[in-house]
């Protein structure tokens, strides 16, 4: 995938838009709950990925797994935690609570990249993370005050998502940019498939006996393919163009989109503080990307 920085940013916006539909779709399920929701979504995700990657890679996809390096397996475990923790959390608390909790990922990713990879983070990115963090704190204060029973457990489960995401983006960044010969870097796309298989395998015993209706299975297949398989394959490729902290920062758009979808499509109306906090997050993202674009244009003009 050969993309300019601007194209990669736009692709990442599309990725977050696809990720953001999980909450509102889940609210329209009839019978599936908790681990069963996670199982079906991960199972359809794994099926879609197996078909897509086999078509792309052929039989080499499966034989190559036997020789896969350790970063691929670490990334796969991270994907499995992200898949599982997100859906379990969203069945325990509000969409806003889960998405807001997930939004500490940019800070954690920047910290991991600085400490583990020695990457220097632009001052503008740290400022954007701080501003977005303030908006997230504002949103969280409002949502926490209106929490329902079980919301705290859901929030704690949701913490697994940014931890796994920060680890994953750091590993992918190391693979994409940490080697002199990028062509020799391992193919990390199968990690998305392995993560889905692990998530489905772990949650199936906990979900048994399955109670989902045909309506539920249809919705969860939509999530598995459109909300997971397609955007997750895209984001792995985007790590070759965008630095990990920038990907995590752009991923905050999922908070804004997800809360909006839940409000419009499921009646989960956020508080005024949540709306203002979301506006701060969006403003921080736009300011960061606009400043980056202005700095790149003179350099491109001189070439």
C-alpha atoms as a PDB file:
ATOM      1  CA  UNK A   1       0.000   0.000   0.000  1.00  0.00           C
ATOM      2  CA  UNK A   2       1.572   3.275  -1.163  1.00  0.00           C
ATOM      3  CA  UNK A   3      -0.143   6.246   0.469  1.00  0.00           C
ATOM      4  CA  UNK A   4       0.744   9.837   1.166  1.00  0.00           C
ATOM      5  CA  UNK A   5       0.413  11.077   4.730  1.00  0.00           C
ATOM      6  CA  UNK A   6      -2.835  12.883   3.896  1.00  0.00           C
ATOM      7  CA  UNK A   7      -4.313   9.763   2.266  1.00  0.00           C
ATOM      8  CA  UNK A   8      -3.295   7.679   5.269  1.00  0.00           C
ATOM      9  CA  UNK A   9      -4.990  10.139   7.647  1.00  0.00           C
ATOM     10  CA  UNK A  10      -8.195  10.017   5.600  1.00  0.00           C
ATOM     11  CA  UNK A  11      -8.050   6.209   5.546  1.00  0.00           C
ATOM     12  CA  UNK A  12      -7.646   6.210   9.324  1.00  0.00           C
ATOM     13  CA  UNK A  13     -10.744   8.397   9.649  1.00  0.00           C
ATOM     14  CA  UNK A  14     -12.675   5.806   7.621  1.00  0.00           C
ATOM     15  CA  UNK A  15     -11.288   3.068   9.884  1.00  0.00           C
ATOM     16  CA  UNK A  16     -12.543   4.844  13.020  1.00  0.00           C
ATOM     17  CA  UNK A  17     -15.938   5.382  11.408  1.00  0.00           C
ATOM     18  CA  UNK A  18     -16.227   1.634  10.778  1.00  0.00           C
ATOM     19  CA  UNK A  19     -15.006   0.778  14.284  1.00  0.00           C
ATOM     20  CA  UNK A  20     -17.553   3.154  15.831  1.00  0.00           C
ATOM     21  CA  UNK A  21     -20.683   1.245  14.796  1.00  0.00           C
ATOM     22  CA  UNK A  22     -20.196  -1.542  17.369  1.00  0.00           C
ATOM     23  CA  UNK A  23     -22.048   0.155  20.207  1.00  0.00           C
ATOM     24  CA  UNK A  24     -25.190   1.115  18.343  1.00  0.00           C
ATOM     25  CA  UNK A  25     -25.449  -2.266  16.580  1.00  0.00           C
ATOM     26  CA  UNK A  26     -25.017  -4.116  19.891  1.00  0.00           C
ATOM     27  CA  UNK A  27     -27.903  -2.168  21.411  1.00  0.00           C
ATOM     28  CA  UNK A  28     -30.265  -3.723  18.841  1.00  0.00           C
ATOM     29  CA  UNK A  29     -29.497  -7.349  19.739  1.00  0.00           C
ATOM     30  CA  UNK A  30     -32.421  -9.453  20.937  1.00  0.00           C
ATOM     31  CA  UNK A  31     -31.001 -12.356  22.958  1.00  0.00           C
ATOM     32  CA  UNK A  32     -27.198 -12.523  22.645  1.00  0.00           C
ATOM     33  CA  UNK A  33     -25.376 -11.208  25.693  1.00  0.00           C
ATOM     34  CA  UNK A  34     -21.820 -10.685  26.962  1.00  0.00           C
ATOM     35  CA  UNK A  35     -19.506 -13.534  25.950  1.00  0.00           C
ATOM     36  CA  UNK A  36     -21.855 -14.796  23.248  1.00  0.00           C
ATOM     37  CA  UNK A  37     -21.778 -11.378  21.579  1.00  0.00           C
ATOM     38  CA  UNK A  38     -17.987 -11.499  21.648  1.00  0.00           C
ATOM     39  CA  UNK A  39     -17.883 -15.075  20.326  1.00  0.00           C
ATOM     40  CA  UNK A  40     -20.091 -14.469  17.296  1.00  0.00           C
ATOM     41  CA  UNK A  41     -18.379 -11.207  16.371  1.00  0.00           C
ATOM     42  CA  UNK A  42     -14.908 -12.756  16.655  1.00  0.00           C
ATOM     43  CA  UNK A  43     -15.990 -15.907  14.809  1.00  0.00           C
ATOM     44  CA  UNK A  44     -17.342 -13.965  11.826  1.00  0.00           C
ATOM     45  CA  UNK A  45     -14.278 -11.745  11.942  1.00  0.00           C
ATOM     46  CA  UNK A  46     -12.026 -14.820  11.795  1.00  0.00           C
ATOM     47  CA  UNK A  47     -14.043 -16.323   8.928  1.00  0.00           C
ATOM     48  CA  UNK A  48     -13.871 -13.126   6.871  1.00  0.00           C
ATOM     49  CA  UNK A  49     -10.155 -12.723   7.552  1.00  0.00           C
ATOM     50  CA  UNK A  50      -9.410 -16.359   6.701  1.00  0.00           C
ATOM     51  CA  UNK A  51     -11.135 -15.983   3.324  1.00  0.00           C
ATOM     52  CA  UNK A  52      -9.555 -12.593   2.557  1.00  0.00           C
ATOM     53  CA  UNK A  53      -6.019 -13.503   3.619  1.00  0.00           C
ATOM     54  CA  UNK A  54      -6.119 -16.908   1.893  1.00  0.00           C
ATOM     55  CA  UNK A  55      -7.156 -15.142  -1.296  1.00  0.00           C
ATOM     56  CA  UNK A  56      -4.349 -12.583  -0.832  1.00  0.00           C
ATOM     57  CA  UNK A  57      -1.584 -14.931   0.357  1.00  0.00           C
ATOM     58  CA  UNK A  58      -2.631 -18.400  -0.804  1.00  0.00           C
ATOM     59  CA  UNK A  59      -1.468 -21.525   1.009  1.00  0.00           C
ATOM     60  CA  UNK A  60       1.635 -19.639   2.164  1.00  0.00           C
ATOM     61  CA  UNK A  61      -0.551 -17.902   4.747  1.00  0.00           C
ATOM     62  CA  UNK A  62      -1.035 -21.105   6.746  1.00  0.00           C
ATOM     63  CA  UNK A  63       2.401 -22.659   6.241  1.00  0.00           C
ATOM     64  CA  UNK A  64       4.001 -19.337   7.163  1.00  0.00           C
ATOM     65  CA  UNK A  65       2.329 -19.355  10.580  1.00  0.00           C
ATOM     66  CA  UNK A  66       4.594 -22.220  11.644  1.00  0.00           C
ATOM     67  CA  UNK A  67       7.617 -19.946  11.136  1.00  0.00           C
ATOM     68  CA  UNK A  68       5.986 -16.742  12.370  1.00  0.00           C
ATOM     69  CA  UNK A  69       8.291 -14.535  14.514  1.00  0.00           C
ATOM     70  CA  UNK A  70       7.449 -13.495  18.066  1.00  0.00           C
ATOM     71  CA  UNK A  71       6.108  -9.993  17.144  1.00  0.00           C
ATOM     72  CA  UNK A  72       3.290 -11.582  15.176  1.00  0.00           C
ATOM     73  CA  UNK A  73       2.166 -13.641  18.179  1.00  0.00           C
ATOM     74  CA  UNK A  74       2.407 -10.653  20.543  1.00  0.00           C
ATOM     75  CA  UNK A  75       0.316  -8.613  18.128  1.00  0.00           C
ATOM     76  CA  UNK A  76      -2.188 -11.483  17.832  1.00  0.00           C
ATOM     77  CA  UNK A  77      -2.612 -11.625  21.622  1.00  0.00           C
ATOM     78  CA  UNK A  78      -3.144  -7.860  21.654  1.00  0.00           C
ATOM     79  CA  UNK A  79      -5.833  -8.116  18.979  1.00  0.00           C
ATOM     80  CA  UNK A  80      -7.583 -10.893  20.924  1.00  0.00           C
ATOM     81  CA  UNK A  81      -7.644  -8.767  24.102  1.00  0.00           C
ATOM     82  CA  UNK A  82      -8.955  -5.773  22.163  1.00  0.00           C
ATOM     83  CA  UNK A  83     -11.713  -7.833  20.508  1.00  0.00           C
ATOM     84  CA  UNK A  84     -12.789  -9.530  23.739  1.00  0.00           C
ATOM     85  CA  UNK A  85     -12.513  -6.756  26.319  1.00  0.00           C
ATOM     86  CA  UNK A  86     -14.336  -4.226  24.150  1.00  0.00           C
ATOM     87  CA  UNK A  87     -17.457  -6.316  23.563  1.00  0.00           C
ATOM     88  CA  UNK A  88     -17.665  -7.628  27.132  1.00  0.00           C
ATOM     89  CA  UNK A  89     -17.319  -4.085  28.488  1.00  0.00           C
ATOM     90  CA  UNK A  90     -19.955  -2.684  26.156  1.00  0.00           C
ATOM     91  CA  UNK A  91     -22.494  -5.208  27.497  1.00  0.00           C
ATOM     92  CA  UNK A  92     -21.769  -4.055  31.074  1.00  0.00           C
ATOM     93  CA  UNK A  93     -21.841  -0.264  30.757  1.00  0.00           C
ATOM     94  CA  UNK A  94     -22.714   2.529  28.348  1.00  0.00           C
ATOM     95  CA  UNK A  95     -21.094   2.994  24.969  1.00  0.00           C
ATOM     96  CA  UNK A  96     -19.811   6.400  26.101  1.00  0.00           C
ATOM     97  CA  UNK A  97     -18.134   4.928  29.211  1.00  0.00           C
ATOM     98  CA  UNK A  98     -16.327   2.271  27.178  1.00  0.00           C
ATOM     99  CA  UNK A  99     -15.188   4.614  24.420  1.00  0.00           C
ATOM    100  CA  UNK A 100     -14.074   7.304  26.849  1.00  0.00           C
ATOM    101  CA  UNK A 101     -12.047   4.758  28.841  1.00  0.00           C
ATOM    102  CA  UNK A 102     -10.427   3.542  25.633  1.00  0.00           C
ATOM    103  CA  UNK A 103      -9.324   7.066  24.855  1.00  0.00           C
ATOM    104  CA  UNK A 104      -6.275   6.924  27.114  1.00  0.00           C
ATOM    105  CA  UNK A 105      -4.659   4.888  24.307  1.00  0.00           C
ATOM    106  CA  UNK A 106      -2.836   7.864  22.682  1.00  0.00           C
ATOM    107  CA  UNK A 107      -1.016   8.748  25.898  1.00  0.00           C
ATOM    108  CA  UNK A 108      -0.102   5.122  26.557  1.00  0.00           C
ATOM    109  CA  UNK A 109       1.048   4.598  22.954  1.00  0.00           C
ATOM    110  CA  UNK A 110       3.218   7.723  23.000  1.00  0.00           C
ATOM    111  CA  UNK A 111       4.696   6.640  26.329  1.00  0.00           C
ATOM    112  CA  UNK A 112       5.433   3.101  25.090  1.00  0.00           C
ATOM    113  CA  UNK A 113       6.969   4.429  21.867  1.00  0.00           C
ATOM    114  CA  UNK A 114       9.183   6.828  23.813  1.00  0.00           C
ATOM    115  CA  UNK A 115      10.305   4.339  26.474  1.00  0.00           C
ATOM    116  CA  UNK A 116      10.499   1.110  24.465  1.00  0.00           C
ATOM    117  CA  UNK A 117      11.447   2.350  21.005  1.00  0.00           C
ATOM    118  CA  UNK A 118      13.177   5.617  21.851  1.00  0.00           C
ATOM    119  CA  UNK A 119      10.966   7.514  19.416  1.00  0.00           C
ATOM    120  CA  UNK A 120      10.868  11.262  19.798  1.00  0.00           C
ATOM    121  CA  UNK A 121       7.291  12.517  19.957  1.00  0.00           C
ATOM    122  CA  UNK A 122       6.548  15.917  18.411  1.00  0.00           C
ATOM    123  CA  UNK A 123       5.596  18.618  20.897  1.00  0.00           C
ATOM    124  CA  UNK A 124       2.407  19.288  18.942  1.00  0.00           C
ATOM    125  CA  UNK A 125       1.412  15.625  19.385  1.00  0.00           C
ATOM    126  CA  UNK A 126       2.007  15.779  23.160  1.00  0.00           C
ATOM    127  CA  UNK A 127      -0.061  18.987  23.316  1.00  0.00           C
ATOM    128  CA  UNK A 128      -2.847  17.392  21.269  1.00  0.00           C
ATOM    129  CA  UNK A 129      -2.811  14.339  23.554  1.00  0.00           C
ATOM    130  CA  UNK A 130      -2.988  16.594  26.621  1.00  0.00           C
ATOM    131  CA  UNK A 131      -5.895  18.592  25.178  1.00  0.00           C
ATOM    132  CA  UNK A 132      -7.716  15.437  24.133  1.00  0.00           C
ATOM    133  CA  UNK A 133      -7.054  13.971  27.592  1.00  0.00           C
ATOM    134  CA  UNK A 134      -8.671  17.000  29.182  1.00  0.00           C
ATOM    135  CA  UNK A 135     -11.709  16.508  26.979  1.00  0.00           C
ATOM    136  CA  UNK A 136     -11.837  12.818  27.865  1.00  0.00           C
ATOM    137  CA  UNK A 137     -11.596  13.605  31.596  1.00  0.00           C
ATOM    138  CA  UNK A 138     -14.457  16.063  31.229  1.00  0.00           C
ATOM    139  CA  UNK A 139     -16.575  13.439  29.477  1.00  0.00           C
ATOM    140  CA  UNK A 140     -15.629  10.747  31.990  1.00  0.00           C
ATOM    141  CA  UNK A 141     -16.544  12.921  35.001  1.00  0.00           C
ATOM    142  CA  UNK A 142     -20.019  13.360  33.586  1.00  0.00           C
ATOM    143  CA  UNK A 143     -20.555   9.720  32.653  1.00  0.00           C
ATOM    144  CA  UNK A 144     -19.144   8.372  35.925  1.00  0.00           C
ATOM    145  CA  UNK A 145     -21.634  10.419  37.903  1.00  0.00           C
ATOM    146  CA  UNK A 146     -24.513   8.810  36.045  1.00  0.00           C
ATOM    147  CA  UNK A 147     -23.166   5.250  36.172  1.00  0.00           C
ATOM    148  CA  UNK A 148     -25.498   2.275  36.542  1.00  0.00           C
ATOM    149  CA  UNK A 149     -24.748  -0.863  38.606  1.00  0.00           C
ATOM    150  CA  UNK A 150     -21.983  -2.823  36.917  1.00  0.00           C
ATOM    151  CA  UNK A 151     -20.624   0.235  35.114  1.00  0.00           C
ATOM    152  CA  UNK A 152     -17.428   0.226  37.179  1.00  0.00           C
ATOM    153  CA  UNK A 153     -16.734  -3.394  36.218  1.00  0.00           C
ATOM    154  CA  UNK A 154     -17.378  -2.520  32.589  1.00  0.00           C
ATOM    155  CA  UNK A 155     -14.980   0.397  32.817  1.00  0.00           C
ATOM    156  CA  UNK A 156     -12.261  -1.788  34.344  1.00  0.00           C
ATOM    157  CA  UNK A 157     -12.727  -4.396  31.604  1.00  0.00           C
ATOM    158  CA  UNK A 158     -12.560  -1.620  29.001  1.00  0.00           C
ATOM    159  CA  UNK A 159      -9.126  -0.603  30.331  1.00  0.00           C
ATOM    160  CA  UNK A 160      -7.764  -3.757  28.710  1.00  0.00           C
ATOM    161  CA  UNK A 161      -8.430  -2.249  25.275  1.00  0.00           C
ATOM    162  CA  UNK A 162      -6.093   0.786  25.447  1.00  0.00           C
ATOM    163  CA  UNK A 163      -3.401  -1.297  27.174  1.00  0.00           C
ATOM    164  CA  UNK A 164      -3.513  -3.901  24.409  1.00  0.00           C
ATOM    165  CA  UNK A 165      -3.848  -1.248  21.701  1.00  0.00           C
ATOM    166  CA  UNK A 166      -0.809   0.706  22.907  1.00  0.00           C
ATOM    167  CA  UNK A 167       1.241  -2.496  23.002  1.00  0.00           C
ATOM    168  CA  UNK A 168       0.014  -3.492  19.555  1.00  0.00           C
ATOM    169  CA  UNK A 169       0.740  -0.143  17.878  1.00  0.00           C
ATOM    170  CA  UNK A 170       4.208  -0.149  19.437  1.00  0.00           C
ATOM    171  CA  UNK A 171       4.977  -3.661  18.145  1.00  0.00           C
ATOM    172  CA  UNK A 172       3.636  -2.826  14.681  1.00  0.00           C
ATOM    173  CA  UNK A 173       5.644   0.396  14.661  1.00  0.00           C
ATOM    174  CA  UNK A 174       8.788  -1.520  15.588  1.00  0.00           C
ATOM    175  CA  UNK A 175       8.202  -3.932  12.706  1.00  0.00           C
ATOM    176  CA  UNK A 176       7.268  -1.251  10.155  1.00  0.00           C
ATOM    177  CA  UNK A 177      10.006   1.273  10.947  1.00  0.00           C
ATOM    178  CA  UNK A 178      12.540  -0.496  13.123  1.00  0.00           C
ATOM    179  CA  UNK A 179      14.309  -2.329  10.311  1.00  0.00           C
ATOM    180  CA  UNK A 180      16.460  -0.962   7.542  1.00  0.00           C
ATOM    181  CA  UNK A 181      14.930  -3.210   4.899  1.00  0.00           C
ATOM    182  CA  UNK A 182      11.172  -2.851   5.122  1.00  0.00           C
ATOM    183  CA  UNK A 183      10.679  -5.498   2.477  1.00  0.00           C
ATOM    184  CA  UNK A 184      12.226  -8.037   4.848  1.00  0.00           C
ATOM    185  CA  UNK A 185       9.884  -7.196   7.716  1.00  0.00           C
ATOM    186  CA  UNK A 186       7.411  -9.971   8.607  1.00  0.00           C
ATOM    187  CA  UNK A 187       3.849  -9.928   7.322  1.00  0.00           C
ATOM    188  CA  UNK A 188       1.747  -8.790  10.294  1.00  0.00           C
ATOM    189  CA  UNK A 189      -1.689  -9.168   8.687  1.00  0.00           C
ATOM    190  CA  UNK A 190      -2.095 -12.790   9.920  1.00  0.00           C
ATOM    191  CA  UNK A 191      -1.908 -11.468  13.506  1.00  0.00           C
ATOM    192  CA  UNK A 192      -5.381  -9.973  13.018  1.00  0.00           C
ATOM    193  CA  UNK A 193      -6.706 -13.417  12.036  1.00  0.00           C
ATOM    194  CA  UNK A 194      -4.957 -15.241  14.898  1.00  0.00           C
ATOM    195  CA  UNK A 195      -6.309 -12.687  17.374  1.00  0.00           C
ATOM    196  CA  UNK A 196      -9.847 -13.319  16.141  1.00  0.00           C
ATOM    197  CA  UNK A 197      -9.405 -17.093  16.425  1.00  0.00           C
ATOM    198  CA  UNK A 198      -8.066 -16.784  19.989  1.00  0.00           C
ATOM    199  CA  UNK A 199     -10.948 -14.507  20.992  1.00  0.00           C
ATOM    200  CA  UNK A 200     -13.555 -16.874  19.525  1.00  0.00           C
ATOM    201  CA  UNK A 201     -11.947 -19.949  21.118  1.00  0.00           C
ATOM    202  CA  UNK A 202     -11.690 -18.381  24.569  1.00  0.00           C
ATOM    203  CA  UNK A 203     -15.238 -17.013  24.652  1.00  0.00           C
ATOM    204  CA  UNK A 204     -17.089 -20.014  23.171  1.00  0.00           C
ATOM    205  CA  UNK A 205     -17.071 -22.092  26.399  1.00  0.00           C
ATOM    206  CA  UNK A 206     -18.155 -19.017  28.376  1.00  0.00           C
ATOM    207  CA  UNK A 207     -20.942 -18.293  25.870  1.00  0.00           C
ATOM    208  CA  UNK A 208     -22.379 -21.830  25.874  1.00  0.00           C
ATOM    209  CA  UNK A 209     -25.275 -22.568  25.429  1.00  0.00           C
ATOM    210  CA  UNK A 210     -25.670 -20.163  22.534  1.00  0.00           C
ATOM    211  CA  UNK A 211     -28.962 -18.242  22.563  1.00  0.00           C
ATOM    212  CA  UNK A 212     -28.576 -15.700  19.750  1.00  0.00           C
ATOM    213  CA  UNK A 213     -31.492 -15.360  17.358  1.00  0.00           C
ATOM    214  CA  UNK A 214     -31.079 -15.268  13.582  1.00  0.00           C
ATOM    215  CA  UNK A 215     -31.513 -11.487  13.850  1.00  0.00           C
ATOM    216  CA  UNK A 216     -28.627 -11.308  16.331  1.00  0.00           C
ATOM    217  CA  UNK A 217     -26.361 -13.527  14.247  1.00  0.00           C
ATOM    218  CA  UNK A 218     -26.990 -11.288  11.242  1.00  0.00           C
ATOM    219  CA  UNK A 219     -26.039  -8.154  13.166  1.00  0.00           C
ATOM    220  CA  UNK A 220     -22.968  -9.788  14.700  1.00  0.00           C
ATOM    221  CA  UNK A 221     -21.822 -11.021  11.283  1.00  0.00           C
ATOM    222  CA  UNK A 222     -22.036  -7.396  10.138  1.00  0.00           C
ATOM    223  CA  UNK A 223     -19.820  -6.381  13.042  1.00  0.00           C
ATOM    224  CA  UNK A 224     -17.364  -9.200  12.401  1.00  0.00           C
ATOM    225  CA  UNK A 225     -16.841  -8.235   8.765  1.00  0.00           C
ATOM    226  CA  UNK A 226     -17.478  -4.478   8.484  1.00  0.00           C
ATOM    227  CA  UNK A 227     -16.620  -3.292  11.987  1.00  0.00           C
ATOM    228  CA  UNK A 228     -13.591  -5.553  12.539  1.00  0.00           C
ATOM    229  CA  UNK A 229     -12.118  -7.474   9.596  1.00  0.00           C
ATOM    230  CA  UNK A 230     -11.909  -4.675   7.031  1.00  0.00           C
ATOM    231  CA  UNK A 231     -10.738  -1.794   9.272  1.00  0.00           C
ATOM    232  CA  UNK A 232      -8.266  -3.948  11.219  1.00  0.00           C
ATOM    233  CA  UNK A 233      -6.572  -5.098   8.007  1.00  0.00           C
ATOM    234  CA  UNK A 234      -6.396  -1.465   6.900  1.00  0.00           C
ATOM    235  CA  UNK A 235      -4.902  -0.173  10.138  1.00  0.00           C
ATOM    236  CA  UNK A 236      -2.078  -2.730  10.055  1.00  0.00           C
ATOM    237  CA  UNK A 237      -1.094  -1.341   6.653  1.00  0.00           C
ATOM    238  CA  UNK A 238      -1.426   2.251   7.849  1.00  0.00           C
ATOM    239  CA  UNK A 239       1.241   1.657  10.512  1.00  0.00           C
ATOM    240  CA  UNK A 240       3.743   1.743   7.637  1.00  0.00           C
ATOM    241  CA  UNK A 241       2.813   5.375   6.934  1.00  0.00           C
ATOM    242  CA  UNK A 242       1.607   6.849  10.230  1.00  0.00           C
ATOM    243  CA  UNK A 243       3.522   6.724  13.544  1.00  0.00           C
ATOM    244  CA  UNK A 244       1.884   4.790  16.387  1.00  0.00           C
ATOM    245  CA  UNK A 245       1.046   7.841  18.550  1.00  0.00           C
ATOM    246  CA  UNK A 246      -0.619   9.548  15.583  1.00  0.00           C
ATOM    247  CA  UNK A 247      -2.688   6.436  14.827  1.00  0.00           C
ATOM    248  CA  UNK A 248      -3.781   6.248  18.468  1.00  0.00           C
ATOM    249  CA  UNK A 249      -4.637   9.949  18.444  1.00  0.00           C
ATOM    250  CA  UNK A 250      -6.708   9.652  15.268  1.00  0.00           C
ATOM    251  CA  UNK A 251      -8.419   6.594  16.772  1.00  0.00           C
ATOM    252  CA  UNK A 252     -10.006   8.976  19.294  1.00  0.00           C
ATOM    253  CA  UNK A 253     -12.461   9.834  16.544  1.00  0.00           C
ATOM    254  CA  UNK A 254     -14.093   6.504  17.409  1.00  0.00           C
ATOM    255  CA  UNK A 255     -15.181   8.089  20.691  1.00  0.00           C
ATOM    256  CA  UNK A 256     -16.928  10.962  18.946  1.00  0.00           C
ATOM    257  CA  UNK A 257     -18.473   8.807  16.230  1.00  0.00           C
ATOM    258  CA  UNK A 258     -19.436   6.000  18.619  1.00  0.00           C
ATOM    259  CA  UNK A 259     -21.164   8.262  21.140  1.00  0.00           C
ATOM    260  CA  UNK A 260     -23.005   9.988  18.283  1.00  0.00           C
ATOM    261  CA  UNK A 261     -24.181   6.657  16.783  1.00  0.00           C
ATOM    262  CA  UNK A 262     -25.381   5.425  20.200  1.00  0.00           C
ATOM    263  CA  UNK A 263     -27.243   8.686  20.738  1.00  0.00           C
ATOM    264  CA  UNK A 264     -28.892   8.790  17.318  1.00  0.00           C
ATOM    265  CA  UNK A 265     -29.455   5.072  16.831  1.00  0.00           C
ATOM    266  CA  UNK A 266     -30.043   3.699  20.333  1.00  0.00           C
ATOM    267  CA  UNK A 267     -31.243   6.644  22.416  1.00  0.00           C
ATOM    268  CA  UNK A 268     -28.181   6.714  24.710  1.00  0.00           C
ATOM    269  CA  UNK A 269     -28.120  10.478  25.068  1.00  0.00           C
ATOM    270  CA  UNK A 270     -24.792  11.760  26.422  1.00  0.00           C
ATOM    271  CA  UNK A 271     -24.599  14.616  28.902  1.00  0.00           C
ATOM    272  CA  UNK A 272     -23.729  18.168  27.927  1.00  0.00           C
ATOM    273  CA  UNK A 273     -20.278  17.658  29.457  1.00  0.00           C
ATOM    274  CA  UNK A 274     -19.748  14.582  27.283  1.00  0.00           C
ATOM    275  CA  UNK A 275     -20.664  16.581  24.180  1.00  0.00           C
ATOM    276  CA  UNK A 276     -18.320  19.430  25.078  1.00  0.00           C
ATOM    277  CA  UNK A 277     -15.572  16.983  25.956  1.00  0.00           C
ATOM    278  CA  UNK A 278     -16.030  15.313  22.585  1.00  0.00           C
ATOM    279  CA  UNK A 279     -15.720  18.701  20.903  1.00  0.00           C
ATOM    280  CA  UNK A 280     -12.389  19.276  22.684  1.00  0.00           C
ATOM    281  CA  UNK A 281     -11.133  15.867  21.498  1.00  0.00           C
ATOM    282  CA  UNK A 282     -12.153  16.594  17.917  1.00  0.00           C
ATOM    283  CA  UNK A 283     -10.578  20.045  18.069  1.00  0.00           C
ATOM    284  CA  UNK A 284      -7.281  18.610  19.317  1.00  0.00           C
ATOM    285  CA  UNK A 285      -7.229  16.107  16.460  1.00  0.00           C
ATOM    286  CA  UNK A 286      -7.975  18.708  13.815  1.00  0.00           C
ATOM    287  CA  UNK A 287      -5.378  21.129  15.185  1.00  0.00           C
ATOM    288  CA  UNK A 288      -2.698  18.423  15.266  1.00  0.00           C
ATOM    289  CA  UNK A 289      -3.330  17.276  11.708  1.00  0.00           C
ATOM    290  CA  UNK A 290      -3.704  20.826  10.333  1.00  0.00           C
ATOM    291  CA  UNK A 291      -0.360  21.851  11.847  1.00  0.00           C
ATOM    292  CA  UNK A 292       1.318  18.722  10.495  1.00  0.00           C
ATOM    293  CA  UNK A 293      -0.063  19.438   7.025  1.00  0.00           C
ATOM    294  CA  UNK A 294       1.208  23.031   7.079  1.00  0.00           C
ATOM    295  CA  UNK A 295       4.711  21.848   8.013  1.00  0.00           C
ATOM    296  CA  UNK A 296       4.783  19.252   5.226  1.00  0.00           C
ATOM    297  CA  UNK A 297       3.642  21.572   2.427  1.00  0.00           C
ATOM    298  CA  UNK A 298       6.794  23.790   2.408  1.00  0.00           C
ATOM    299  CA  UNK A 299       9.022  20.687   2.431  1.00  0.00           C
ATOM    300  CA  UNK A 300       7.130  19.199  -0.494  1.00  0.00           C
ATOM    301  CA  UNK A 301       7.330  22.502  -2.382  1.00  0.00           C
ATOM    302  CA  UNK A 302      11.138  22.539  -2.040  1.00  0.00           C
ATOM    303  CA  UNK A 303      11.540  19.102  -3.600  1.00  0.00           C
END
